Structure formats: structure tokens, C-alpha cells
Amino acid sequence: MIVWLNGPFGGGKTQTAYELHRRLPGSAVCDPEHVGFGLHRMLPGPLRGDFQDLPAWRQGVFEVLDLSARRYPGVLLVPMTVTDPGYFAQTVGRLREAGHDVRHFALLAGRETVLRRLRERGLGRGLKRESFAVARLDGCLEALRAPEFAEHLATDRLTVSRVADRVAASAGLALAPDLDGPVRGRLRRALVGVRHIRFD
């Protein structure tokens, strides 16, 4: 099974993926952003736009996930924002056409909730560090409410652990219980955030 976690930037996709990974033995996180970062590093600076616009990104994501799903026995957890219906068809849709069991979830929240989350991960710089995410927030939220991006999951009032519980229940996956207390849970989420800071 492939569990694709979609949503706006700052919507909790990566945190949810790693919470599922922690509590789902044998699972693996496969982050399509790494394909995009690699393509960006190959391109001269002036040619670096949105890597999703590169056909090589969509092809690469399909090939890597297709290979992984065929050869890896565990559940694949894929945190990635995709709001363009055509790009969605070329990634999620194509994986389904290839026979893979892809469970897609759009993790949605109100604008103010997402902005608060972005501020919290801004390393003391508020929303300045998150200008890319803020600029695309309204478009992301509007696009992802469309029927083709179901299943929709409202996360405003849910902790990361509860979001993971809801995703797992809908996908028919049995998670280990969450034994973290509030402090340990915050520390774990902070570490996940630090590991995913980009400097390029």
C-alpha cells in the first residue's frame, strides 16, 4: 500500500508521515521532494522554478514509487503537496493505473491554523522563512477541496497523533499505541522539523 499525504505547505504532511512510520512497523517514508531537490541542484540557478513543472519530476516520482511498491514489503508513506489535477493524474493516478493500492488523504485546515503552524516552524523568523508556502496557501486550500483530491481530513482540532490515527483507520492499518506524553511528543515533532529544514 502507498499512503499519499497531500495538503498545503505547513499542513502537517511530514509530521503525520513520520508519526505513522514510528507506529507502523515495516513502513518507509518516501519523500518526492528529494527528487525535486536533485533536479534543482542539476539546473542552473535561473532555471530553477517549481520542480513539479518538470516532466522529469513526475516521471521520476512515478518510477521510484512504482519500484518501491513492487519490491518493498511494507507500507510506503508519501508526504507531498500536489494540487494540479494533471500532475496528480501523472503521479497518484498513474500509480493506481499500474495496480498499486494508493490511499490518498488531503490534510486540510483553516487558513489561520496553517499560518500558525508555519509561524511555529519558522525558526523565530515568523513567516519570512515560509514565503513560498504563504504565497501558495489559498490556492492550495481551494484546489485540494475538489472531489478528485478526496479523502479530505480536517486537522484543525487534531493533534499529529490523532491525524495519524484517522489516516490509519481509514486505510485499514493497525498502528502501535501512542505512548508519548505531551513533552516527549513535542520534542519528537521538533526533531522531525529540524531534520527537514532546507538551506538551499
Protein backbone atom coordinates (compact mmCIF):
# COMPACT_ATOMS: atom_id res chain seq x y z
CA MET A 1 0.00 0.00 0.00
CA ILE A 2 1.03 3.60 -0.70
CA VAL A 3 -0.37 6.23 1.68
CA TRP A 4 -0.08 9.62 -0.04
CA LEU A 5 -0.44 12.56 2.37
CA ASN A 6 -1.36 15.71 0.48
CA GLY A 7 -2.18 19.14 1.86
CA PRO A 8 -0.98 22.74 1.93
CA PHE A 9 2.62 23.53 2.78
CA GLY A 10 2.71 23.56 6.59
CA GLY A 11 -0.37 21.35 6.78
CA GLY A 12 1.29 18.54 8.74
CA LYS A 13 2.09 16.04 5.98
CA THR A 14 5.67 15.28 7.02
CA GLN A 15 4.86 15.18 10.74
CA THR A 16 1.98 12.79 10.06
CA ALA A 17 4.13 10.60 7.81
CA TYR A 18 6.79 10.21 10.50
CA GLU A 19 4.18 9.60 13.20
CA LEU A 20 2.72 6.81 11.06
CA HIS A 21 6.23 5.48 10.39
CA ARG A 22 7.02 5.44 14.12
CA ARG A 23 3.90 3.45 14.93
CA LEU A 24 3.69 1.23 11.84
CA PRO A 25 6.44 -1.41 11.84
CA GLY A 26 7.97 -2.10 8.45
CA SER A 27 6.75 1.14 6.89
CA ALA A 28 9.02 3.53 4.99
CA VAL A 29 8.82 7.26 4.27
CA CYS A 30 9.40 8.06 0.57
CA ASP A 31 9.57 11.84 0.11
CA PRO A 32 9.13 13.04 -3.52
CA GLU A 33 10.67 16.40 -2.61
CA HIS A 34 14.07 14.73 -2.76
CA VAL A 35 13.57 14.02 -6.45
CA GLY A 36 12.78 17.70 -6.94
CA PHE A 37 15.77 18.89 -4.89
CA GLY A 38 18.06 16.72 -7.01
CA LEU A 39 16.66 18.19 -10.22
CA HIS A 40 17.08 21.71 -8.85
CA ARG A 41 20.71 21.06 -7.98
CA MET A 42 21.36 19.93 -11.55
CA LEU A 43 19.83 23.07 -13.04
CA PRO A 44 21.49 26.48 -13.31
CA GLY A 45 20.01 28.89 -10.77
CA PRO A 46 17.93 30.96 -13.21
CA LEU A 47 16.17 27.80 -14.45
CA ARG A 48 15.01 26.68 -11.02
CA GLY A 49 11.26 27.15 -10.81
CA ASP A 50 8.63 24.85 -9.34
CA PHE A 51 10.16 21.41 -9.83
CA GLN A 52 6.71 19.87 -10.20
CA ASP A 53 6.51 21.62 -13.57
CA LEU A 54 9.36 19.42 -14.82
CA PRO A 55 8.10 16.25 -16.54
CA ALA A 56 11.24 14.56 -15.17
CA TRP A 57 9.95 15.10 -11.62
CA ARG A 58 6.60 13.47 -12.30
CA GLN A 59 8.20 10.61 -14.20
CA GLY A 60 10.84 10.15 -11.51
CA VAL A 61 8.31 10.09 -8.68
CA PHE A 62 6.23 7.51 -10.51
CA GLU A 63 9.24 5.30 -11.27
CA VAL A 64 10.70 5.41 -7.76
CA LEU A 65 7.37 4.72 -6.06
CA ASP A 66 6.44 2.04 -8.59
CA LEU A 67 9.76 0.29 -7.96
CA SER A 68 9.49 0.68 -4.19
CA ALA A 69 5.91 -0.59 -4.05
CA ARG A 70 6.80 -3.64 -6.14
CA ARG A 71 9.89 -4.61 -4.17
CA TYR A 72 9.40 -3.32 -0.63
CA PRO A 73 7.01 -5.34 1.53
CA GLY A 74 5.95 -2.56 3.88
CA VAL A 75 3.60 0.40 3.59
CA LEU A 76 5.07 3.43 1.78
CA LEU A 77 4.30 6.83 3.32
CA VAL A 78 4.47 9.71 0.83
CA PRO A 79 4.18 13.31 2.13
CA MET A 80 3.80 15.60 -0.88
CA THR A 81 1.68 18.57 -1.89
CA VAL A 82 0.21 18.12 -5.38
CA THR A 83 -2.63 20.46 -6.35
CA ASP A 84 -2.53 20.42 -10.14
CA PRO A 85 -5.08 17.84 -11.36
CA GLY A 86 -2.89 16.92 -14.33
CA TYR A 87 0.17 16.36 -12.15
CA PHE A 88 -1.98 14.41 -9.70
CA ALA A 89 -3.10 12.14 -12.56
CA GLN A 90 0.52 11.61 -13.63
CA THR A 91 1.62 10.57 -10.13
CA VAL A 92 -1.17 9.23 -7.92
CA GLY A 93 -3.41 8.33 -10.86
CA ARG A 94 -0.66 6.60 -12.78
CA LEU A 95 0.38 4.58 -9.73
CA ARG A 96 -3.22 3.40 -9.36
CA GLU A 97 -3.37 2.51 -13.05
CA ALA A 98 -0.23 0.42 -12.54
CA GLY A 99 -2.13 -1.65 -10.00
CA HIS A 100 -0.91 -0.12 -6.75
CA ASP A 101 -3.21 0.38 -3.77
CA VAL A 102 -2.81 4.13 -3.26
CA ARG A 103 -4.71 5.70 -0.37
CA HIS A 104 -4.75 9.47 -0.79
CA PHE A 105 -5.52 11.92 2.01
CA ALA A 106 -5.75 15.70 1.75
CA LEU A 107 -4.90 17.07 5.20
CA LEU A 108 -6.83 20.34 5.33
CA ALA A 109 -7.09 23.12 7.88
CA GLY A 110 -8.30 26.69 8.01
CA ARG A 111 -6.03 29.44 6.74
CA GLU A 112 -5.26 30.79 10.22
CA THR A 113 -4.43 27.32 11.52
CA VAL A 114 -1.95 26.73 8.70
CA LEU A 115 -0.40 30.19 9.18
CA ARG A 116 0.05 29.47 12.90
CA ARG A 117 1.78 26.18 12.07
CA LEU A 118 4.03 27.92 9.57
CA ARG A 119 4.98 30.54 12.18
CA GLU A 120 5.84 27.79 14.65
CA ARG A 121 8.24 26.16 12.21
CA GLY A 122 9.76 29.48 11.10
CA LEU A 123 12.76 29.24 13.48
CA GLY A 124 11.98 32.58 15.09
CA ARG A 125 11.70 34.37 11.74
CA GLY A 126 7.92 34.22 11.65
CA LEU A 127 6.51 33.84 8.16
CA LYS A 128 9.53 35.36 6.36
CA ARG A 129 11.17 31.96 6.05
CA GLU A 130 7.89 30.50 4.77
CA SER A 131 7.14 32.98 1.98
CA PHE A 132 6.82 30.21 -0.65
CA ALA A 133 4.24 28.37 1.48
CA VAL A 134 2.28 31.52 2.36
CA ALA A 135 2.12 32.67 -1.26
CA ARG A 136 0.56 29.37 -2.31
CA LEU A 137 -1.64 28.73 0.73
CA ASP A 138 -5.00 29.99 -0.55
CA GLY A 139 -4.59 28.29 -3.92
CA CYS A 140 -3.62 25.02 -2.25
CA LEU A 141 -6.59 25.03 0.10
CA GLU A 142 -9.03 25.84 -2.69
CA ALA A 143 -7.64 23.24 -5.10
CA LEU A 144 -7.46 20.43 -2.56
CA ARG A 145 -11.12 20.76 -1.62
CA ALA A 146 -12.04 19.43 -5.09
CA PRO A 147 -13.59 15.93 -5.20
CA GLU A 148 -10.64 14.38 -7.06
CA PHE A 149 -8.43 15.08 -4.04
CA ALA A 150 -10.56 13.12 -1.58
CA GLU A 151 -10.25 11.69 1.04
CA HIS A 152 -10.38 15.01 2.87
CA LEU A 153 -9.37 15.16 6.53
CA ALA A 154 -9.88 18.33 8.60
CA THR A 155 -6.96 18.65 11.01
CA ASP A 156 -7.62 22.00 12.77
CA ARG A 157 -8.55 20.42 16.09
CA LEU A 158 -6.44 17.27 15.83
CA THR A 159 -3.01 16.50 17.19
CA VAL A 160 -0.49 14.85 14.87
CA SER A 161 -1.11 11.58 16.69
CA ARG A 162 -4.86 11.81 16.13
CA VAL A 163 -4.39 12.67 12.43
CA ALA A 164 -2.24 9.54 12.12
CA ASP A 165 -4.94 7.53 13.89
CA ARG A 166 -7.62 8.78 11.46
CA VAL A 167 -5.48 8.06 8.39
CA ALA A 168 -4.62 4.58 9.64
CA ALA A 169 -8.23 3.75 10.49
CA SER A 170 -9.43 4.83 7.05
CA ALA A 171 -6.65 2.86 5.33
CA GLY A 172 -7.24 -0.25 7.47
CA LEU A 173 -3.81 -0.10 9.10
CA ALA A 174 -3.15 -1.16 12.68
CA LEU A 175 -0.89 1.30 14.49
CA ALA A 176 1.02 0.68 17.68
CA PRO A 177 -0.41 2.77 20.53
CA ASP A 178 0.95 6.28 21.03
CA LEU A 179 2.74 6.15 24.39
CA ASP A 180 4.34 9.58 24.14
CA GLY A 181 3.46 12.15 26.75
CA PRO A 182 2.98 15.82 25.74
CA VAL A 183 6.62 16.82 26.31
CA ARG A 184 8.09 13.81 24.53
CA GLY A 185 5.65 14.28 21.65
CA ARG A 186 6.63 17.95 21.21
CA LEU A 187 10.31 17.04 21.31
CA ARG A 188 9.84 14.31 18.72
CA ARG A 189 7.96 16.68 16.38
CA ALA A 190 10.62 19.35 16.84
CA LEU A 191 13.32 16.87 15.84
CA VAL A 192 11.37 15.88 12.73
CA GLY A 193 11.06 19.56 11.86
CA VAL A 194 14.78 20.21 12.33
CA ARG A 195 15.72 17.22 10.17
CA HIS A 196 13.65 18.65 7.31
CA ILE A 197 14.99 22.19 7.28
CA ARG A 198 16.23 23.17 3.82
CA PHE A 199 19.14 25.52 3.39
CA ASP A 200 19.21 25.65 -0.42
